[in-house]
Amino acid sequence: MKILMVCLGNICRSPIAEGILKHKCKLAGLDWKVESAGTNGYHTGERPHPMSQMVSKLNGIDISDQRSRTFQATDFKDFDLLIPMAGDVMREMQYIARKEYDTKKVNLLLNYSFPETDMDVPDPWSRSETAYHEVYSLIDHACDALIAAYTSAKQS
């Protein structure tokens, strides 16, 4: 399975999500490819936000080697599942991808923890350290639920 985590700038939420899911896949012995991207391209080539790196590191995950990249329409051909962190990100993905957009490949991350609620992972940008810890926790639980959803479906 190839999964792309997507947020606005690809420096806060989606790098955390990429790091957590990669870590959990490794622990579970899953051979999944996990990457992340941002819809706005403002931070292309940059490392994750220092607070995203710090909170991830405190939880045993090093995301410092990640670099921001811009989401592209071709990502729909390259990935099996594209996971936006929020509704505004999903709308930007639709705009960017246009006819390549495939609704069957897209689900908001928190729908794995809270099915059919369409809740956003809050953007911690320019907020307190506490906000980054809260975002980490939300993403962590959603990644557990995502893995459970796709591994239990595979076993059925």
C-alpha atoms as a PDB file:
ATOM      1  CA  MET A   1       0.000   0.000   0.000  1.00  0.00           C
ATOM      2  CA  LYS A   2       1.231   3.488  -0.879  1.00  0.00           C
ATOM      3  CA  ILE A   3      -0.118   6.308   1.296  1.00  0.00           C
ATOM      4  CA  LEU A   4       0.289  10.080   0.969  1.00  0.00           C
ATOM      5  CA  MET A   5      -0.454  12.319   3.954  1.00  0.00           C
ATOM      6  CA  VAL A   6      -1.391  15.861   2.865  1.00  0.00           C
ATOM      7  CA  CYS A   7      -1.680  19.221   4.647  1.00  0.00           C
ATOM      8  CA  LEU A   8      -1.224  22.835   3.580  1.00  0.00           C
ATOM      9  CA  GLY A   9       2.513  23.499   3.882  1.00  0.00           C
ATOM     10  CA  ASN A  10       3.848  20.004   4.590  1.00  0.00           C
ATOM     11  CA  ILE A  11       5.804  21.199   7.617  1.00  0.00           C
ATOM     12  CA  CYS A  12       3.442  20.611  10.585  1.00  0.00           C
ATOM     13  CA  ARG A  13       0.670  18.003  10.385  1.00  0.00           C
ATOM     14  CA  SER A  14       1.528  15.806   7.411  1.00  0.00           C
ATOM     15  CA  PRO A  15       5.200  15.286   8.366  1.00  0.00           C
ATOM     16  CA  ILE A  16       4.063  14.168  11.824  1.00  0.00           C
ATOM     17  CA  ALA A  17       1.531  11.838  10.180  1.00  0.00           C
ATOM     18  CA  GLU A  18       4.162  10.468   7.792  1.00  0.00           C
ATOM     19  CA  GLY A  19       6.578   9.834  10.648  1.00  0.00           C
ATOM     20  CA  ILE A  20       4.004   8.184  12.910  1.00  0.00           C
ATOM     21  CA  LEU A  21       2.557   5.948  10.202  1.00  0.00           C
ATOM     22  CA  LYS A  22       6.001   4.875   8.954  1.00  0.00           C
ATOM     23  CA  HIS A  23       6.993   4.035  12.527  1.00  0.00           C
ATOM     24  CA  LYS A  24       3.815   2.049  13.195  1.00  0.00           C
ATOM     25  CA  CYS A  25       4.105   0.197   9.876  1.00  0.00           C
ATOM     26  CA  LYS A  26       7.667  -0.804  10.712  1.00  0.00           C
ATOM     27  CA  LEU A  27       6.612  -2.087  14.140  1.00  0.00           C
ATOM     28  CA  ALA A  28       3.701  -4.009  12.580  1.00  0.00           C
ATOM     29  CA  GLY A  29       5.869  -5.488   9.822  1.00  0.00           C
ATOM     30  CA  LEU A  30       3.857  -3.770   7.101  1.00  0.00           C
ATOM     31  CA  ASP A  31       5.611  -3.011   3.830  1.00  0.00           C
ATOM     32  CA  TRP A  32       3.720   0.236   3.202  1.00  0.00           C
ATOM     33  CA  LYS A  33       5.232   3.254   1.470  1.00  0.00           C
ATOM     34  CA  VAL A  34       4.306   6.454   3.328  1.00  0.00           C
ATOM     35  CA  GLU A  35       5.074  10.004   2.202  1.00  0.00           C
ATOM     36  CA  SER A  36       3.677  13.485   2.742  1.00  0.00           C
ATOM     37  CA  ALA A  37       3.040  16.630   0.719  1.00  0.00           C
ATOM     38  CA  GLY A  38       1.494  20.091   1.009  1.00  0.00           C
ATOM     39  CA  THR A  39      -0.979  21.841  -1.245  1.00  0.00           C
ATOM     40  CA  ASN A  40       0.448  25.367  -1.075  1.00  0.00           C
ATOM     41  CA  GLY A  41       4.123  24.858  -1.922  1.00  0.00           C
ATOM     42  CA  TYR A  42       5.295  27.733   0.306  1.00  0.00           C
ATOM     43  CA  HIS A  43       7.775  25.546   2.154  1.00  0.00           C
ATOM     44  CA  THR A  44       9.046  23.281  -0.628  1.00  0.00           C
ATOM     45  CA  GLY A  45      12.383  21.753   0.325  1.00  0.00           C
ATOM     46  CA  GLU A  46      12.152  22.789   3.994  1.00  0.00           C
ATOM     47  CA  ARG A  47      12.431  20.478   6.996  1.00  0.00           C
ATOM     48  CA  PRO A  48       9.372  19.976   9.204  1.00  0.00           C
ATOM     49  CA  HIS A  49       8.540  22.766  11.644  1.00  0.00           C
ATOM     50  CA  PRO A  50      10.857  22.690  14.699  1.00  0.00           C
ATOM     51  CA  MET A  51       7.875  22.013  17.004  1.00  0.00           C
ATOM     52  CA  SER A  52       6.746  19.095  14.801  1.00  0.00           C
ATOM     53  CA  GLN A  53      10.249  17.677  14.969  1.00  0.00           C
ATOM     54  CA  MET A  54      10.476  18.192  18.734  1.00  0.00           C
ATOM     55  CA  VAL A  55       7.111  16.587  19.555  1.00  0.00           C
ATOM     56  CA  SER A  56       7.847  13.650  17.253  1.00  0.00           C
ATOM     57  CA  LYS A  57      11.310  13.195  18.795  1.00  0.00           C
ATOM     58  CA  LEU A  58       9.804  13.220  22.297  1.00  0.00           C
ATOM     59  CA  ASN A  59       7.680  10.283  21.113  1.00  0.00           C
ATOM     60  CA  GLY A  60      10.663   8.391  19.703  1.00  0.00           C
ATOM     61  CA  ILE A  61      10.258   9.369  16.049  1.00  0.00           C
ATOM     62  CA  ASP A  62      12.853  11.366  14.108  1.00  0.00           C
ATOM     63  CA  ILE A  63      11.315  13.280  11.193  1.00  0.00           C
ATOM     64  CA  SER A  64      14.269  15.642  10.650  1.00  0.00           C
ATOM     65  CA  ASP A  65      15.225  13.995   7.345  1.00  0.00           C
ATOM     66  CA  GLN A  66      11.877  14.833   5.724  1.00  0.00           C
ATOM     67  CA  ARG A  67      11.623  17.680   3.200  1.00  0.00           C
ATOM     68  CA  SER A  68       8.454  19.449   2.182  1.00  0.00           C
ATOM     69  CA  ARG A  69       7.133  18.837  -1.289  1.00  0.00           C
ATOM     70  CA  THR A  70       4.148  20.097  -3.211  1.00  0.00           C
ATOM     71  CA  PHE A  71       1.107  17.905  -3.836  1.00  0.00           C
ATOM     72  CA  GLN A  72       0.582  17.167  -7.552  1.00  0.00           C
ATOM     73  CA  ALA A  73      -2.254  15.696  -9.618  1.00  0.00           C
ATOM     74  CA  THR A  74       0.035  12.779 -10.535  1.00  0.00           C
ATOM     75  CA  ASP A  75       0.010  11.726  -6.877  1.00  0.00           C
ATOM     76  CA  PHE A  76      -3.355  10.096  -7.625  1.00  0.00           C
ATOM     77  CA  LYS A  77      -1.583   7.720 -10.009  1.00  0.00           C
ATOM     78  CA  ASP A  78       1.326   7.067  -7.638  1.00  0.00           C
ATOM     79  CA  PHE A  79      -0.565   6.430  -4.368  1.00  0.00           C
ATOM     80  CA  ASP A  80      -3.328   4.035  -3.316  1.00  0.00           C
ATOM     81  CA  LEU A  81      -4.599   6.275  -0.543  1.00  0.00           C
ATOM     82  CA  LEU A  82      -4.345  10.057  -0.159  1.00  0.00           C
ATOM     83  CA  ILE A  83      -5.158  11.367   3.298  1.00  0.00           C
ATOM     84  CA  PRO A  84      -5.810  15.088   3.795  1.00  0.00           C
ATOM     85  CA  MET A  85      -5.511  16.454   7.308  1.00  0.00           C
ATOM     86  CA  ALA A  86      -8.509  18.806   6.871  1.00  0.00           C
ATOM     87  CA  GLY A  87     -11.422  19.731   4.638  1.00  0.00           C
ATOM     88  CA  ASP A  88      -9.709  22.807   3.186  1.00  0.00           C
ATOM     89  CA  VAL A  89      -6.756  20.616   2.200  1.00  0.00           C
ATOM     90  CA  MET A  90      -9.112  18.141   0.521  1.00  0.00           C
ATOM     91  CA  ARG A  91     -10.706  20.967  -1.477  1.00  0.00           C
ATOM     92  CA  GLU A  92      -7.261  22.181  -2.562  1.00  0.00           C
ATOM     93  CA  MET A  93      -6.397  18.625  -3.619  1.00  0.00           C
ATOM     94  CA  GLN A  94      -9.556  18.557  -5.756  1.00  0.00           C
ATOM     95  CA  TYR A  95      -8.627  21.885  -7.327  1.00  0.00           C
ATOM     96  CA  ILE A  96      -5.037  20.851  -8.058  1.00  0.00           C
ATOM     97  CA  ALA A  97      -5.859  17.358  -9.314  1.00  0.00           C
ATOM     98  CA  ARG A  98      -8.981  18.300 -11.291  1.00  0.00           C
ATOM     99  CA  LYS A  99      -9.937  15.280 -13.444  1.00  0.00           C
ATOM    100  CA  GLU A 100      -7.287  13.091 -11.771  1.00  0.00           C
ATOM    101  CA  TYR A 101      -9.074  13.454  -8.393  1.00  0.00           C
ATOM    102  CA  ASP A 102     -10.406  10.070  -7.281  1.00  0.00           C
ATOM    103  CA  THR A 103     -12.825  10.195  -4.343  1.00  0.00           C
ATOM    104  CA  LYS A 104     -12.344   6.449  -3.725  1.00  0.00           C
ATOM    105  CA  LYS A 105      -8.704   7.104  -2.760  1.00  0.00           C
ATOM    106  CA  VAL A 106      -9.357  10.020  -0.372  1.00  0.00           C
ATOM    107  CA  ASN A 107     -10.430  10.031   3.280  1.00  0.00           C
ATOM    108  CA  LEU A 108      -9.829  12.633   5.968  1.00  0.00           C
ATOM    109  CA  LEU A 109      -7.418  11.279   8.558  1.00  0.00           C
ATOM    110  CA  LEU A 110      -9.692  11.696  11.553  1.00  0.00           C
ATOM    111  CA  ASN A 111     -12.446   9.705   9.832  1.00  0.00           C
ATOM    112  CA  TYR A 112     -10.405   6.653  10.827  1.00  0.00           C
ATOM    113  CA  SER A 113     -10.735   7.555  14.533  1.00  0.00           C
ATOM    114  CA  PHE A 114     -14.152   9.197  14.312  1.00  0.00           C
ATOM    115  CA  PRO A 115     -15.938   7.613  11.300  1.00  0.00           C
ATOM    116  CA  GLU A 116     -17.968   9.858   9.022  1.00  0.00           C
ATOM    117  CA  THR A 117     -17.472  12.985  11.150  1.00  0.00           C
ATOM    118  CA  ASP A 118     -15.219  14.778   8.628  1.00  0.00           C
ATOM    119  CA  MET A 119     -13.287  16.387  11.491  1.00  0.00           C
ATOM    120  CA  ASP A 120     -10.095  18.325  10.791  1.00  0.00           C
ATOM    121  CA  VAL A 121      -6.729  17.782  12.412  1.00  0.00           C
ATOM    122  CA  PRO A 122      -6.254  21.340  13.730  1.00  0.00           C
ATOM    123  CA  ASP A 123      -3.370  23.262  12.206  1.00  0.00           C
ATOM    124  CA  PRO A 124      -0.867  23.942  15.012  1.00  0.00           C
ATOM    125  CA  TRP A 125       1.038  26.545  12.954  1.00  0.00           C
ATOM    126  CA  SER A 126       1.882  29.605  15.111  1.00  0.00           C
ATOM    127  CA  ARG A 127       0.200  28.058  18.149  1.00  0.00           C
ATOM    128  CA  SER A 128       1.641  26.791  21.421  1.00  0.00           C
ATOM    129  CA  GLU A 129       3.699  23.673  22.046  1.00  0.00           C
ATOM    130  CA  THR A 130       0.576  22.194  23.630  1.00  0.00           C
ATOM    131  CA  ALA A 131      -1.185  22.414  20.257  1.00  0.00           C
ATOM    132  CA  TYR A 132       1.559  20.304  18.663  1.00  0.00           C
ATOM    133  CA  HIS A 133       1.215  17.682  21.403  1.00  0.00           C
ATOM    134  CA  GLU A 134      -2.569  17.590  20.850  1.00  0.00           C
ATOM    135  CA  VAL A 135      -2.125  17.232  17.093  1.00  0.00           C
ATOM    136  CA  TYR A 136       0.423  14.454  17.621  1.00  0.00           C
ATOM    137  CA  SER A 137      -2.031  12.557  19.833  1.00  0.00           C
ATOM    138  CA  LEU A 138      -4.900  12.893  17.338  1.00  0.00           C
ATOM    139  CA  ILE A 139      -2.698  11.701  14.468  1.00  0.00           C
ATOM    140  CA  ASP A 140      -1.246   8.857  16.538  1.00  0.00           C
ATOM    141  CA  HIS A 141      -4.685   7.434  17.333  1.00  0.00           C
ATOM    142  CA  ALA A 142      -5.907   7.910  13.759  1.00  0.00           C
ATOM    143  CA  CYS A 143      -2.881   6.042  12.396  1.00  0.00           C
ATOM    144  CA  ASP A 144      -3.670   3.099  14.695  1.00  0.00           C
ATOM    145  CA  ALA A 145      -7.241   3.085  13.373  1.00  0.00           C
ATOM    146  CA  LEU A 146      -6.039   3.385   9.752  1.00  0.00           C
ATOM    147  CA  ILE A 147      -3.736   0.381  10.149  1.00  0.00           C
ATOM    148  CA  ALA A 148      -6.508  -1.604  11.813  1.00  0.00           C
ATOM    149  CA  ALA A 149      -8.935  -0.731   9.014  1.00  0.00           C
ATOM    150  CA  TYR A 150      -6.645  -1.912   6.237  1.00  0.00           C
ATOM    151  CA  THR A 151      -5.109  -4.926   7.946  1.00  0.00           C
ATOM    152  CA  SER A 152      -8.419  -6.340   9.221  1.00  0.00           C
ATOM    153  CA  ALA A 153     -10.027  -5.830   5.806  1.00  0.00           C
ATOM    154  CA  LYS A 154      -7.095  -7.689   4.241  1.00  0.00           C
ATOM    155  CA  GLN A 155      -7.566 -10.633   6.630  1.00  0.00           C
ATOM    156  CA  SER A 156     -11.294 -10.978   5.916  1.00  0.00           C
END
